[in-house]
Protein backbone atom coordinates (compact mmCIF):
# COMPACT_ATOMS: atom_id res chain seq x y z
CA UNK A 1 -282.39 -187.87 -49.63
CA UNK A 2 -279.24 -188.45 -51.08
CA UNK A 3 -276.26 -190.65 -49.91
CA UNK A 4 -274.46 -187.96 -47.68
CA UNK A 5 -272.06 -187.57 -50.25
CA UNK A 6 -270.83 -183.96 -51.30
CA UNK A 7 -271.75 -182.86 -54.74
CA UNK A 8 -268.32 -182.98 -56.03
CA UNK A 9 -267.85 -186.72 -54.71
CA UNK A 10 -271.11 -187.41 -56.39
CA UNK A 11 -269.80 -186.18 -59.78
CA UNK A 12 -266.57 -187.85 -59.20
CA UNK A 13 -268.42 -191.19 -59.16
CA UNK A 14 -270.05 -190.38 -62.48
CA UNK A 15 -266.92 -189.32 -64.02
CA UNK A 16 -265.18 -192.48 -62.76
CA UNK A 17 -268.11 -194.65 -64.35
CA UNK A 18 -267.64 -193.01 -67.50
CA UNK A 19 -263.78 -193.28 -67.35
CA UNK A 20 -264.27 -196.96 -66.58
CA UNK A 21 -266.69 -197.37 -69.47
CA UNK A 22 -264.20 -195.76 -71.87
CA UNK A 23 -261.17 -197.91 -70.70
CA UNK A 24 -263.28 -201.12 -71.26
CA UNK A 25 -264.41 -199.80 -74.58
CA UNK A 26 -260.65 -198.99 -75.71
CA UNK A 27 -259.68 -202.63 -74.62
CA UNK A 28 -262.44 -204.00 -77.01
CA UNK A 29 -261.50 -204.69 -80.62
CA UNK A 30 -263.21 -202.53 -83.14
CA UNK A 31 -266.60 -203.42 -83.89
CA UNK A 32 -267.48 -203.39 -87.61
CA UNK A 33 -270.97 -203.08 -88.68
CA UNK A 34 -272.27 -206.69 -89.64
CA UNK A 35 -273.47 -207.06 -93.00
CA UNK A 36 -276.22 -209.36 -92.24
CA UNK A 37 -277.86 -206.63 -90.26
CA UNK A 38 -279.47 -205.16 -93.29
CA UNK A 39 -281.32 -208.64 -93.95
CA UNK A 40 -284.56 -207.91 -92.26
CA UNK A 41 -287.02 -210.62 -91.94
CA UNK A 42 -290.09 -208.50 -93.71
CA UNK A 43 -288.90 -207.56 -97.12
CA UNK A 44 -292.62 -207.57 -98.50
CA UNK A 45 -293.57 -204.81 -100.83
CA UNK A 46 -296.96 -203.12 -100.50
CA UNK A 47 -298.35 -200.08 -102.45
CA UNK A 48 -295.14 -200.10 -104.32
CA UNK A 49 -293.10 -199.52 -101.19
CA UNK A 50 -290.04 -202.21 -100.48
CA UNK A 51 -289.76 -203.37 -96.79
CA UNK A 52 -293.38 -201.66 -96.24
CA UNK A 53 -293.67 -202.51 -92.69
CA UNK A 54 -290.35 -201.53 -91.62
CA UNK A 55 -290.56 -198.18 -93.55
CA UNK A 56 -294.32 -197.38 -92.21
CA UNK A 57 -293.54 -198.49 -88.63
CA UNK A 58 -291.71 -195.34 -88.45
CA UNK A 59 -294.73 -193.28 -88.35
CA UNK A 60 -294.71 -193.61 -84.59
CA UNK A 61 -291.56 -191.57 -84.26
CA UNK A 62 -293.11 -188.80 -86.55
CA UNK A 63 -296.20 -188.82 -84.36
CA UNK A 64 -294.34 -188.73 -81.01
CA UNK A 65 -291.86 -186.22 -82.44
CA UNK A 66 -294.77 -183.73 -83.45
CA UNK A 67 -296.68 -184.00 -80.18
CA UNK A 68 -293.50 -183.29 -78.32
CA UNK A 69 -292.49 -180.37 -80.29
CA UNK A 70 -296.03 -178.90 -80.00
CA UNK A 71 -295.90 -179.53 -76.22
CA UNK A 72 -292.48 -177.84 -75.78
CA UNK A 73 -293.16 -174.82 -77.74
CA UNK A 74 -297.05 -174.62 -77.35
CA UNK A 75 -299.46 -172.73 -75.08
CA UNK A 76 -298.48 -175.06 -72.00
CA UNK A 77 -294.79 -174.24 -72.30
CA UNK A 78 -294.88 -171.89 -69.52
CA UNK A 79 -296.77 -174.15 -67.26
CA UNK A 80 -294.43 -177.00 -67.71
CA UNK A 81 -291.23 -175.07 -67.93
CA UNK A 82 -291.14 -172.01 -65.46
CA UNK A 83 -287.53 -171.54 -66.87
CA UNK A 84 -287.74 -171.44 -70.58
CA UNK A 85 -284.17 -172.46 -70.60
CA UNK A 86 -285.29 -176.11 -69.22
CA UNK A 87 -286.92 -176.76 -72.59
CA UNK A 88 -284.09 -176.63 -74.71
CA UNK A 89 -282.89 -180.11 -74.42
CA UNK A 90 -286.39 -181.67 -74.77
CA UNK A 91 -286.87 -179.62 -78.12
CA UNK A 92 -283.75 -181.03 -79.32
CA UNK A 93 -284.86 -184.51 -78.25
CA UNK A 94 -288.27 -184.10 -79.97
CA UNK A 95 -286.83 -182.84 -83.16
CA UNK A 96 -284.28 -185.63 -83.16
CA UNK A 97 -287.18 -188.33 -82.63
CA UNK A 98 -289.17 -186.79 -85.40
CA UNK A 99 -286.31 -186.90 -87.83
CA UNK A 100 -285.74 -190.54 -86.84
CA UNK A 101 -288.82 -191.31 -88.80
CA UNK A 102 -287.38 -189.89 -92.03
CA UNK A 103 -283.91 -191.38 -91.52
CA UNK A 104 -285.17 -194.77 -90.60
CA UNK A 105 -287.67 -194.79 -93.35
CA UNK A 106 -285.06 -193.60 -95.85
CA UNK A 107 -282.71 -196.38 -94.54
CA UNK A 108 -285.32 -199.31 -94.72
CA UNK A 109 -286.15 -198.29 -98.19
CA UNK A 110 -282.98 -199.78 -99.49
CA UNK A 111 -281.02 -200.84 -96.45
CA UNK A 112 -276.93 -200.15 -96.52
CA UNK A 113 -274.24 -198.84 -94.34
CA UNK A 114 -274.56 -195.38 -96.08
CA UNK A 115 -278.21 -195.08 -95.51
CA UNK A 116 -278.06 -196.38 -91.98
CA UNK A 117 -275.88 -193.45 -91.11
CA UNK A 118 -278.98 -191.29 -91.61
CA UNK A 119 -281.01 -193.47 -89.35
CA UNK A 120 -278.61 -193.55 -86.47
CA UNK A 121 -277.81 -189.72 -86.91
CA UNK A 122 -281.10 -188.42 -85.55
CA UNK A 123 -281.07 -191.17 -82.79
CA UNK A 124 -277.60 -189.98 -81.32
CA UNK A 125 -279.24 -186.53 -81.12
CA UNK A 126 -281.97 -187.84 -79.32
CA UNK A 127 -280.08 -189.93 -76.95
CA UNK A 128 -277.74 -187.09 -76.06
CA UNK A 129 -280.33 -184.53 -75.58
CA UNK A 130 -282.16 -186.67 -73.08
CA UNK A 131 -279.00 -187.14 -71.29
CA UNK A 132 -278.58 -183.40 -71.03
CA UNK A 133 -282.14 -183.09 -69.87
CA UNK A 134 -281.41 -185.44 -67.03
CA UNK A 135 -278.21 -183.78 -66.03
CA UNK A 136 -279.90 -180.35 -66.28
CA UNK A 137 -282.78 -181.45 -64.00
CA UNK A 138 -280.82 -183.46 -61.48
CA UNK A 139 -277.23 -182.22 -61.48
CA UNK A 140 -276.51 -178.86 -62.96
CA UNK A 141 -279.24 -176.94 -64.88
CA UNK A 142 -277.03 -174.17 -66.24
CA UNK A 143 -274.49 -176.95 -67.69
CA UNK A 144 -277.26 -179.16 -69.00
CA UNK A 145 -279.13 -176.43 -70.67
CA UNK A 146 -276.30 -174.85 -72.39
CA UNK A 147 -272.72 -175.93 -73.17
CA UNK A 148 -273.27 -179.62 -72.09
CA UNK A 149 -276.18 -180.08 -74.59
CA UNK A 150 -274.07 -178.80 -77.39
CA UNK A 151 -271.17 -181.01 -76.27
CA UNK A 152 -273.16 -184.22 -75.88
CA UNK A 153 -275.18 -183.71 -79.19
CA UNK A 154 -271.61 -183.11 -81.01
CA UNK A 155 -270.11 -186.10 -79.41
CA UNK A 156 -273.04 -188.24 -80.38
CA UNK A 157 -273.08 -187.06 -84.26
CA UNK A 158 -269.01 -187.40 -83.99
CA UNK A 159 -269.50 -190.88 -83.15
CA UNK A 160 -271.51 -191.63 -86.27
CA UNK A 161 -268.82 -189.72 -88.48
CA UNK A 162 -266.11 -191.84 -86.97
CA UNK A 163 -268.03 -194.97 -87.86
CA UNK A 164 -268.55 -194.23 -91.33
CA UNK A 165 -264.98 -192.91 -91.77
CA UNK A 166 -263.77 -196.29 -90.28
CA UNK A 167 -265.94 -198.06 -92.73
CA UNK A 168 -264.50 -196.04 -95.71
CA UNK A 169 -261.15 -197.29 -94.47
CA UNK A 170 -262.16 -200.85 -94.50
CA UNK A 171 -262.09 -201.23 -90.72
CA UNK A 172 -265.59 -199.99 -89.29
CA UNK A 173 -265.70 -199.32 -85.88
CA UNK A 174 -269.00 -199.04 -84.07
CA UNK A 175 -267.54 -198.76 -80.22
CA UNK A 176 -268.10 -195.20 -79.74
CA UNK A 177 -271.69 -195.23 -81.24
CA UNK A 178 -272.27 -198.05 -78.85
CA UNK A 179 -271.12 -195.94 -75.94
CA UNK A 180 -273.65 -193.18 -77.09
CA UNK A 181 -276.36 -195.61 -77.11
CA UNK A 182 -275.78 -197.81 -74.19
CA UNK A 183 -273.82 -195.72 -71.49
CA UNK A 184 -276.89 -193.51 -70.69
CA UNK A 185 -278.71 -196.82 -69.72
CA UNK A 186 -275.81 -197.75 -67.38
CA UNK A 187 -275.39 -194.42 -65.88
CA UNK A 188 -279.20 -193.58 -65.36
CA UNK A 189 -279.79 -195.54 -62.23
CA UNK A 190 -276.60 -194.23 -60.61
CA UNK A 191 -277.57 -190.58 -61.49
CA UNK A 192 -281.15 -191.35 -60.02
CA UNK A 193 -279.49 -192.80 -56.87
CA UNK A 194 -276.86 -189.96 -56.38
CA UNK A 195 -279.04 -187.07 -57.55
CA UNK A 196 -282.53 -188.03 -56.31
CA UNK A 197 -283.96 -184.32 -56.45
CA UNK A 198 -285.84 -183.37 -59.80
CA UNK A 199 -288.47 -181.59 -61.31
CA UNK A 200 -289.35 -183.15 -64.70
CA UNK A 201 -287.41 -186.71 -64.67
CA UNK A 202 -289.58 -188.46 -62.21
CA UNK A 203 -287.77 -191.82 -61.72
CA UNK A 204 -291.05 -193.94 -62.43
CA UNK A 205 -291.21 -192.49 -65.86
CA UNK A 206 -287.48 -193.20 -66.49
CA UNK A 207 -287.96 -196.62 -65.47
CA UNK A 208 -290.66 -197.18 -68.21
CA UNK A 209 -288.60 -195.31 -70.80
CA UNK A 210 -285.84 -197.77 -70.13
CA UNK A 211 -288.06 -200.76 -70.18
CA UNK A 212 -289.65 -199.88 -73.36
CA UNK A 213 -286.36 -199.25 -74.91
CA UNK A 214 -284.84 -202.19 -73.65
CA UNK A 215 -287.92 -204.12 -75.13
CA UNK A 216 -287.33 -202.44 -78.49
CA UNK A 217 -283.51 -203.98 -78.49
CA UNK A 218 -285.03 -207.58 -77.66
CA UNK A 219 -287.61 -207.17 -80.35
CA UNK A 220 -284.76 -205.89 -82.71
CA UNK A 221 -282.74 -209.11 -82.00
CA UNK A 222 -285.53 -211.39 -82.65
CA UNK A 223 -286.63 -209.96 -85.79
CA UNK A 224 -286.73 -213.43 -87.73
CA UNK A 225 -288.14 -215.47 -84.80
CA UNK A 226 -291.13 -212.94 -84.24
CA UNK A 227 -291.90 -212.82 -87.88
CA UNK A 228 -292.33 -216.57 -88.04
CA UNK A 229 -293.93 -216.74 -84.65
CA UNK A 230 -296.69 -214.33 -85.88
CA UNK A 231 -297.07 -216.16 -89.11
CA UNK A 232 -295.33 -213.48 -90.95
CA UNK A 233 -297.78 -210.88 -89.83
CA UNK A 234 -295.56 -208.67 -88.38
CA UNK A 235 -291.75 -208.69 -87.71
CA UNK A 236 -289.55 -208.11 -84.63
CA UNK A 237 -287.74 -204.99 -86.27
CA UNK A 238 -291.26 -203.43 -87.33
CA UNK A 239 -292.32 -203.93 -83.25
CA UNK A 240 -288.81 -202.44 -82.25
CA UNK A 241 -289.81 -199.25 -84.08
CA UNK A 242 -293.07 -199.05 -82.12
CA UNK A 243 -291.65 -199.99 -78.71
CA UNK A 244 -288.74 -197.40 -79.26
CA UNK A 245 -291.78 -194.89 -80.18
CA UNK A 246 -293.55 -195.80 -76.98
CA UNK A 247 -290.33 -195.03 -74.97
CA UNK A 248 -290.20 -191.52 -76.28
CA UNK A 249 -293.93 -191.21 -75.79
CA UNK A 250 -293.33 -191.91 -72.01
CA UNK A 251 -291.07 -188.91 -72.03
CA UNK A 252 -293.96 -186.80 -73.60
CA UNK A 253 -296.16 -188.07 -70.87
CA UNK A 254 -293.55 -187.11 -68.06
CA UNK A 255 -293.59 -183.69 -69.30
CA UNK A 256 -297.30 -183.37 -69.99
CA UNK A 257 -298.05 -184.45 -66.45
CA UNK A 258 -295.62 -181.64 -64.98
CA UNK A 259 -297.57 -179.42 -63.01
CA UNK A 260 -296.17 -179.12 -59.44
CA UNK A 261 -292.82 -177.40 -58.66
CA UNK A 262 -291.16 -180.58 -57.65
CA UNK A 263 -292.38 -183.95 -58.94
CA UNK A 264 -292.35 -187.26 -56.81
CA UNK A 265 -290.87 -190.19 -57.74
């Protein structure tokens, strides 16, 4: 049961939320990339690979990306997606996740702003594809599976090109990439409340996606502390990669469990 609001009213609430977030964003000073971000706790070299743990912990993204692509295009595609158009956003999502493993590994071999761009670019694609998948499932399938998917992925990529352009001008600005990364987390519970009917995006799975992704950001923040707490066994950033990969694995499981015409929350 939804709130009793019309579809137009519910969409207006989401537009207002986006407008408010954009307004706050524009009131905040430009956010440059902190140079200290590139100084990770675990810089050990193993088997000739610098920053070995942070590089190799990206294997989780490669695994989930391949599993997801196989699920979306494989034999079970027809069982999971009665309408093949519903698979589009998820295919883009898992391709993005798979490419994160390459981009992030490339970045961690020799951390710099230029390499960080290639880490964040496929992440923005994955974020926006997932947003489009949720819109397609809960709000408007025609939009979410077509033009909105293209627009959102394009905007996500543009936020990174804008960041690199501002860095080249000596006034780096990550505000719009921040919106790409965090606005979906703000909007998701509102979307679930306003548009509870769904086939694929069961709320219980979405809660776990957010929980694991939130944990990944905490682990990233406490990179040094976790490295010392574990006796220099593993760093927070390496664990961050694993937690974020598990968040995408939850999406894989969400689709894999899909059998009935309408999933329950």
